[in-house]
Amino acid sequence: MKKIILLALAAVSFTALAHDYDGNDYDTSTLYMAIWENESKVSELQSKVSDLEDQVTKLIRTVRQLKNEH
């Protein structure tokens, strides 16, 4: 599902970036580089979210342990 969303975003980005507001065209390599950079950022953010989820899980366990001790 995530890959489908990424592909859809890439297609939209490709179309949107093909022309800027001044009507200037971008070459294909520039567009592909922008898409690759966006995919890299998405991957990096997914990793950070995963790390945060792990930290939240640990905090929840700690809070439950503290509640049980008192």
PDB file of N, CA and C in Angstrom:
ATOM      1  N   MET A   1       0.829  -1.195   0.000  1.00  0.00           N
ATOM      2  CA  MET A   1       0.000   0.000   0.000  1.00  0.00           C
ATOM      3  C   MET A   1       0.872   1.257   0.000  1.00  0.00           C
ATOM      4  N   LYS A   2       1.941   1.244   0.816  1.00  0.00           N
ATOM      5  CA  LYS A   2       2.818   2.409   0.882  1.00  0.00           C
ATOM      6  C   LYS A   2       3.503   2.660  -0.452  1.00  0.00           C
ATOM      7  N   LYS A   3       3.878   1.572  -1.145  1.00  0.00           N
ATOM      8  CA  LYS A   3       4.534   1.733  -2.448  1.00  0.00           C
ATOM      9  C   LYS A   3       3.581   2.343  -3.464  1.00  0.00           C
ATOM     10  N   ILE A   4       2.310   1.973  -3.386  1.00  0.00           N
ATOM     11  CA  ILE A   4       1.323   2.540  -4.303  1.00  0.00           C
ATOM     12  C   ILE A   4       1.192   4.038  -4.060  1.00  0.00           C
ATOM     13  N   ILE A   5       1.157   4.417  -2.781  1.00  0.00           N
ATOM     14  CA  ILE A   5       1.056   5.836  -2.435  1.00  0.00           C
ATOM     15  C   ILE A   5       2.291   6.580  -2.916  1.00  0.00           C
ATOM     16  N   LEU A   6       3.473   5.990  -2.702  1.00  0.00           N
ATOM     17  CA  LEU A   6       4.708   6.630  -3.152  1.00  0.00           C
ATOM     18  C   LEU A   6       4.730   6.794  -4.666  1.00  0.00           C
ATOM     19  N   LEU A   7       4.278   5.764  -5.377  1.00  0.00           N
ATOM     20  CA  LEU A   7       4.240   5.855  -6.837  1.00  0.00           C
ATOM     21  C   LEU A   7       3.259   6.928  -7.298  1.00  0.00           C
ATOM     22  N   ALA A   8       2.132   7.027  -6.611  1.00  0.00           N
ATOM     23  CA  ALA A   8       1.153   8.060  -6.961  1.00  0.00           C
ATOM     24  C   ALA A   8       1.732   9.448  -6.706  1.00  0.00           C
ATOM     25  N   LEU A   9       2.400   9.606  -5.562  1.00  0.00           N
ATOM     26  CA  LEU A   9       3.033  10.892  -5.258  1.00  0.00           C
ATOM     27  C   LEU A   9       4.117  11.219  -6.274  1.00  0.00           C
ATOM     28  N   ALA A  10       4.868  10.211  -6.666  1.00  0.00           N
ATOM     29  CA  ALA A  10       5.920  10.426  -7.660  1.00  0.00           C
ATOM     30  C   ALA A  10       5.314  10.871  -8.989  1.00  0.00           C
ATOM     31  N   ALA A  11       4.218  10.251  -9.381  1.00  0.00           N
ATOM     32  CA  ALA A  11       3.564  10.627 -10.637  1.00  0.00           C
ATOM     33  C   ALA A  11       3.044  12.057 -10.575  1.00  0.00           C
ATOM     34  N   VAL A  12       2.433  12.412  -9.451  1.00  0.00           N
ATOM     35  CA  VAL A  12       1.936  13.776  -9.276  1.00  0.00           C
ATOM     36  C   VAL A  12       3.098  14.755  -9.267  1.00  0.00           C
ATOM     37  N   SER A  13       4.166  14.406  -8.542  1.00  0.00           N
ATOM     38  CA  SER A  13       5.343  15.270  -8.493  1.00  0.00           C
ATOM     39  C   SER A  13       5.929  15.448  -9.881  1.00  0.00           C
ATOM     40  N   PHE A  14       6.012  14.357 -10.632  1.00  0.00           N
ATOM     41  CA  PHE A  14       6.567  14.409 -11.988  1.00  0.00           C
ATOM     42  C   PHE A  14       5.761  15.376 -12.849  1.00  0.00           C
ATOM     43  N   THR A  15       4.449  15.265 -12.768  1.00  0.00           N
ATOM     44  CA  THR A  15       3.580  16.130 -13.565  1.00  0.00           C
ATOM     45  C   THR A  15       3.668  17.573 -13.098  1.00  0.00           C
ATOM     46  N   ALA A  16       3.644  17.770 -11.778  1.00  0.00           N
ATOM     47  CA  ALA A  16       3.668  19.125 -11.229  1.00  0.00           C
ATOM     48  C   ALA A  16       4.999  19.814 -11.473  1.00  0.00           C
ATOM     49  N   LEU A  17       6.088  19.060 -11.441  1.00  0.00           N
ATOM     50  CA  LEU A  17       7.405  19.656 -11.596  1.00  0.00           C
ATOM     51  C   LEU A  17       7.826  19.832 -13.051  1.00  0.00           C
ATOM     52  N   ALA A  18       7.043  19.286 -13.972  1.00  0.00           N
ATOM     53  CA  ALA A  18       7.428  19.371 -15.378  1.00  0.00           C
ATOM     54  C   ALA A  18       7.523  20.823 -15.846  1.00  0.00           C
ATOM     55  N   HIS A  19       6.704  21.674 -15.283  1.00  0.00           N
ATOM     56  CA  HIS A  19       6.741  23.106 -15.603  1.00  0.00           C
ATOM     57  C   HIS A  19       6.646  23.873 -14.291  1.00  0.00           C
ATOM     58  N   ASP A  20       7.449  24.915 -14.148  1.00  0.00           N
ATOM     59  CA  ASP A  20       7.285  25.756 -12.976  1.00  0.00           C
ATOM     60  C   ASP A  20       6.269  26.852 -13.304  1.00  0.00           C
ATOM     61  N   TYR A  21       6.036  27.744 -12.354  1.00  0.00           N
ATOM     62  CA  TYR A  21       4.999  28.753 -12.547  1.00  0.00           C
ATOM     63  C   TYR A  21       5.343  29.763 -13.647  1.00  0.00           C
ATOM     64  N   ASP A  22       6.610  29.877 -13.981  1.00  0.00           N
ATOM     65  CA  ASP A  22       7.010  30.788 -15.051  1.00  0.00           C
ATOM     66  C   ASP A  22       6.991  30.114 -16.417  1.00  0.00           C
ATOM     67  N   GLY A  23       6.589  28.851 -16.460  1.00  0.00           N
ATOM     68  CA  GLY A  23       6.507  28.131 -17.722  1.00  0.00           C
ATOM     69  C   GLY A  23       7.814  27.503 -18.161  1.00  0.00           C
ATOM     70  N   ASN A  24       8.815  27.495 -17.276  1.00  0.00           N
ATOM     71  CA  ASN A  24      10.099  26.881 -17.618  1.00  0.00           C
ATOM     72  C   ASN A  24       9.994  25.366 -17.531  1.00  0.00           C
ATOM     73  N   ASP A  25      10.579  24.688 -18.503  1.00  0.00           N
ATOM     74  CA  ASP A  25      10.592  23.225 -18.498  1.00  0.00           C
ATOM     75  C   ASP A  25      11.801  22.717 -17.720  1.00  0.00           C
ATOM     76  N   TYR A  26      11.625  21.595 -17.064  1.00  0.00           N
ATOM     77  CA  TYR A  26      12.729  20.914 -16.397  1.00  0.00           C
ATOM     78  C   TYR A  26      13.074  19.680 -17.207  1.00  0.00           C
ATOM     79  N   ASP A  27      14.333  19.301 -17.195  1.00  0.00           N
ATOM     80  CA  ASP A  27      14.689  18.075 -17.905  1.00  0.00           C
ATOM     81  C   ASP A  27      14.343  16.860 -17.052  1.00  0.00           C
ATOM     82  N   THR A  28      14.255  15.717 -17.697  1.00  0.00           N
ATOM     83  CA  THR A  28      13.830  14.488 -17.034  1.00  0.00           C
ATOM     84  C   THR A  28      14.757  14.096 -15.896  1.00  0.00           C
ATOM     85  N   SER A  29      16.057  14.270 -16.070  1.00  0.00           N
ATOM     86  CA  SER A  29      16.990  13.869 -15.014  1.00  0.00           C
ATOM     87  C   SER A  29      16.776  14.692 -13.752  1.00  0.00           C
ATOM     88  N   THR A  30      16.451  15.970 -13.902  1.00  0.00           N
ATOM     89  CA  THR A  30      16.168  16.815 -12.739  1.00  0.00           C
ATOM     90  C   THR A  30      14.924  16.319 -12.023  1.00  0.00           C
ATOM     91  N   LEU A  31      13.912  15.941 -12.798  1.00  0.00           N
ATOM     92  CA  LEU A  31      12.681  15.435 -12.199  1.00  0.00           C
ATOM     93  C   LEU A  31      12.919  14.127 -11.456  1.00  0.00           C
ATOM     94  N   TYR A  32      13.665  13.218 -12.082  1.00  0.00           N
ATOM     95  CA  TYR A  32      13.934  11.941 -11.425  1.00  0.00           C
ATOM     96  C   TYR A  32      14.763  12.138 -10.162  1.00  0.00           C
ATOM     97  N   MET A  33      15.689  13.091 -10.182  1.00  0.00           N
ATOM     98  CA  MET A  33      16.492  13.377  -8.997  1.00  0.00           C
ATOM     99  C   MET A  33      15.596  13.903  -7.877  1.00  0.00           C
ATOM    100  N   ALA A  34      14.652  14.771  -8.213  1.00  0.00           N
ATOM    101  CA  ALA A  34      13.728  15.303  -7.208  1.00  0.00           C
ATOM    102  C   ALA A  34      12.871  14.186  -6.624  1.00  0.00           C
ATOM    103  N   ILE A  35      12.403  13.285  -7.476  1.00  0.00           N
ATOM    104  CA  ILE A  35      11.592  12.155  -7.001  1.00  0.00           C
ATOM    105  C   ILE A  35      12.433  11.264  -6.095  1.00  0.00           C
ATOM    106  N   TRP A  36      13.671  10.975  -6.483  1.00  0.00           N
ATOM    107  CA  TRP A  36      14.550  10.126  -5.677  1.00  0.00           C
ATOM    108  C   TRP A  36      14.817  10.771  -4.325  1.00  0.00           C
ATOM    109  N   GLU A  37      15.047  12.085  -4.315  1.00  0.00           N
ATOM    110  CA  GLU A  37      15.286  12.788  -3.056  1.00  0.00           C
ATOM    111  C   GLU A  37      14.053  12.714  -2.164  1.00  0.00           C
ATOM    112  N   ASN A  38      12.864  12.856  -2.753  1.00  0.00           N
ATOM    113  CA  ASN A  38      11.635  12.759  -1.971  1.00  0.00           C
ATOM    114  C   ASN A  38      11.466  11.360  -1.398  1.00  0.00           C
ATOM    115  N   GLU A  39      11.760  10.338  -2.196  1.00  0.00           N
ATOM    116  CA  GLU A  39      11.652   8.966  -1.702  1.00  0.00           C
ATOM    117  C   GLU A  39      12.641   8.728  -0.570  1.00  0.00           C
ATOM    118  N   SER A  40      13.831   9.294  -0.682  1.00  0.00           N
ATOM    119  CA  SER A  40      14.830   9.159   0.377  1.00  0.00           C
ATOM    120  C   SER A  40      14.348   9.826   1.656  1.00  0.00           C
ATOM    121  N   LYS A  41      13.738  10.991   1.513  1.00  0.00           N
ATOM    122  CA  LYS A  41      13.218  11.700   2.686  1.00  0.00           C
ATOM    123  C   LYS A  41      12.084  10.918   3.326  1.00  0.00           C
ATOM    124  N   VAL A  42      11.207  10.350   2.505  1.00  0.00           N
ATOM    125  CA  VAL A  42      10.103   9.543   3.029  1.00  0.00           C
ATOM    126  C   VAL A  42      10.653   8.347   3.793  1.00  0.00           C
ATOM    127  N   SER A  43      11.646   7.684   3.227  1.00  0.00           N
ATOM    128  CA  SER A  43      12.258   6.530   3.885  1.00  0.00           C
ATOM    129  C   SER A  43      12.884   6.933   5.215  1.00  0.00           C
ATOM    130  N   GLU A  44      13.568   8.062   5.225  1.00  0.00           N
ATOM    131  CA  GLU A  44      14.196   8.559   6.452  1.00  0.00           C
ATOM    132  C   GLU A  44      13.137   8.885   7.503  1.00  0.00           C
ATOM    133  N   LEU A  45      12.050   9.512   7.084  1.00  0.00           N
ATOM    134  CA  LEU A  45      10.975   9.843   8.018  1.00  0.00           C
ATOM    135  C   LEU A  45      10.293   8.582   8.546  1.00  0.00           C
ATOM    136  N   GLN A  46      10.117   7.581   7.690  1.00  0.00           N
ATOM    137  CA  GLN A  46       9.523   6.321   8.143  1.00  0.00           C
ATOM    138  C   GLN A  46      10.399   5.676   9.209  1.00  0.00           C
ATOM    139  N   SER A  47      11.698   5.757   9.042  1.00  0.00           N
ATOM    140  CA  SER A  47      12.630   5.209  10.021  1.00  0.00           C
ATOM    141  C   SER A  47      12.515   5.958  11.342  1.00  0.00           C
ATOM    142  N   LYS A  48      12.428   7.278  11.271  1.00  0.00           N
ATOM    143  CA  LYS A  48      12.291   8.085  12.488  1.00  0.00           C
ATOM    144  C   LYS A  48      10.975   7.784  13.198  1.00  0.00           C
ATOM    145  N   VAL A  49       9.903   7.625  12.428  1.00  0.00           N
ATOM    146  CA  VAL A  49       8.606   7.294  13.016  1.00  0.00           C
ATOM    147  C   VAL A  49       8.675   5.946  13.712  1.00  0.00           C
ATOM    148  N   SER A  50       9.326   4.988  13.088  1.00  0.00           N
ATOM    149  CA  SER A  50       9.479   3.665  13.687  1.00  0.00           C
ATOM    150  C   SER A  50      10.246   3.751  15.004  1.00  0.00           C
ATOM    151  N   ASP A  51      11.318   4.542  15.019  1.00  0.00           N
ATOM    152  CA  ASP A  51      12.085   4.732  16.250  1.00  0.00           C
ATOM    153  C   ASP A  51      11.230   5.377  17.335  1.00  0.00           C
ATOM    154  N   LEU A  52      10.437   6.361  16.960  1.00  0.00           N
ATOM    155  CA  LEU A  52       9.562   7.025  17.928  1.00  0.00           C
ATOM    156  C   LEU A  52       8.499   6.069  18.463  1.00  0.00           C
ATOM    157  N   GLU A  53       7.972   5.219  17.593  1.00  0.00           N
ATOM    158  CA  GLU A  53       6.994   4.223  18.040  1.00  0.00           C
ATOM    159  C   GLU A  53       7.620   3.291  19.068  1.00  0.00           C
ATOM    160  N   ASP A  54       8.859   2.880  18.835  1.00  0.00           N
ATOM    161  CA  ASP A  54       9.565   2.027  19.789  1.00  0.00           C
ATOM    162  C   ASP A  54       9.748   2.738  21.125  1.00  0.00           C
ATOM    163  N   GLN A  55      10.108   4.010  21.080  1.00  0.00           N
ATOM    164  CA  GLN A  55      10.305   4.776  22.311  1.00  0.00           C
ATOM    165  C   GLN A  55       8.997   4.928  23.077  1.00  0.00           C
ATOM    166  N   VAL A  56       7.904   5.180  22.360  1.00  0.00           N
ATOM    167  CA  VAL A  56       6.600   5.312  23.005  1.00  0.00           C
ATOM    168  C   VAL A  56       6.196   3.993  23.649  1.00  0.00           C
ATOM    169  N   THR A  57       6.435   2.890  22.966  1.00  0.00           N
ATOM    170  CA  THR A  57       6.123   1.571  23.518  1.00  0.00           C
ATOM    171  C   THR A  57       6.897   1.334  24.810  1.00  0.00           C
ATOM    172  N   LYS A  58       8.179   1.684  24.818  1.00  0.00           N
ATOM    173  CA  LYS A  58       8.999   1.534  26.021  1.00  0.00           C
ATOM    174  C   LYS A  58       8.481   2.418  27.150  1.00  0.00           C
ATOM    175  N   LEU A  59       8.082   3.643  26.818  1.00  0.00           N
ATOM    176  CA  LEU A  59       7.544   4.544  27.837  1.00  0.00           C
ATOM    177  C   LEU A  59       6.248   4.005  28.427  1.00  0.00           C
ATOM    178  N   ILE A  60       5.397   3.456  27.584  1.00  0.00           N
ATOM    179  CA  ILE A  60       4.135   2.880  28.065  1.00  0.00           C
ATOM    180  C   ILE A  60       4.423   1.725  29.014  1.00  0.00           C
ATOM    181  N   ARG A  61       5.372   0.867  28.662  1.00  0.00           N
ATOM    182  CA  ARG A  61       5.741  -0.248  29.545  1.00  0.00           C
ATOM    183  C   ARG A  61       6.261   0.265  30.878  1.00  0.00           C
ATOM    184  N   THR A  62       7.105   1.292  30.830  1.00  0.00           N
ATOM    185  CA  THR A  62       7.669   1.859  32.056  1.00  0.00           C
ATOM    186  C   THR A  62       6.573   2.438  32.932  1.00  0.00           C
ATOM    187  N   VAL A  63       5.641   3.158  32.335  1.00  0.00           N
ATOM    188  CA  VAL A  63       4.534   3.750  33.097  1.00  0.00           C
ATOM    189  C   VAL A  63       3.691   2.650  33.728  1.00  0.00           C
ATOM    190  N   ARG A  64       3.416   1.592  32.998  1.00  0.00           N
ATOM    191  CA  ARG A  64       2.621   0.483  33.545  1.00  0.00           C
ATOM    192  C   ARG A  64       3.352  -0.185  34.702  1.00  0.00           C
ATOM    193  N   GLN A  65       4.671  -0.356  34.563  1.00  0.00           N
ATOM    194  CA  GLN A  65       5.457  -0.948  35.648  1.00  0.00           C
ATOM    195  C   GLN A  65       5.412  -0.068  36.884  1.00  0.00           C
ATOM    196  N   LEU A  66       5.558   1.222  36.684  1.00  0.00           N
ATOM    197  CA  LEU A  66       5.525   2.152  37.817  1.00  0.00           C
ATOM    198  C   LEU A  66       4.157   2.152  38.488  1.00  0.00           C
ATOM    199  N   LYS A  67       3.092   2.066  37.712  1.00  0.00           N
ATOM    200  CA  LYS A  67       1.741   1.998  38.274  1.00  0.00           C
ATOM    201  C   LYS A  67       1.574   0.731  39.105  1.00  0.00           C
ATOM    202  N   ASN A  68       2.086  -0.385  38.601  1.00  0.00           N
ATOM    203  CA  ASN A  68       1.960  -1.658  39.304  1.00  0.00           C
ATOM    204  C   ASN A  68       2.770  -1.679  40.588  1.00  0.00           C
ATOM    205  N   GLU A  69       3.887  -0.954  40.619  1.00  0.00           N
ATOM    206  CA  GLU A  69       4.728  -0.920  41.811  1.00  0.00           C
ATOM    207  C   GLU A  69       4.118  -0.068  42.909  1.00  0.00           C
ATOM    208  N   HIS A  70       3.296   0.880  42.550  1.00  0.00           N
ATOM    209  CA  HIS A  70       2.726   1.784  43.554  1.00  0.00           C
ATOM    210  C   HIS A  70       1.304   1.480  43.760  1.00  0.00           C
TER     211      HIS A  70
END
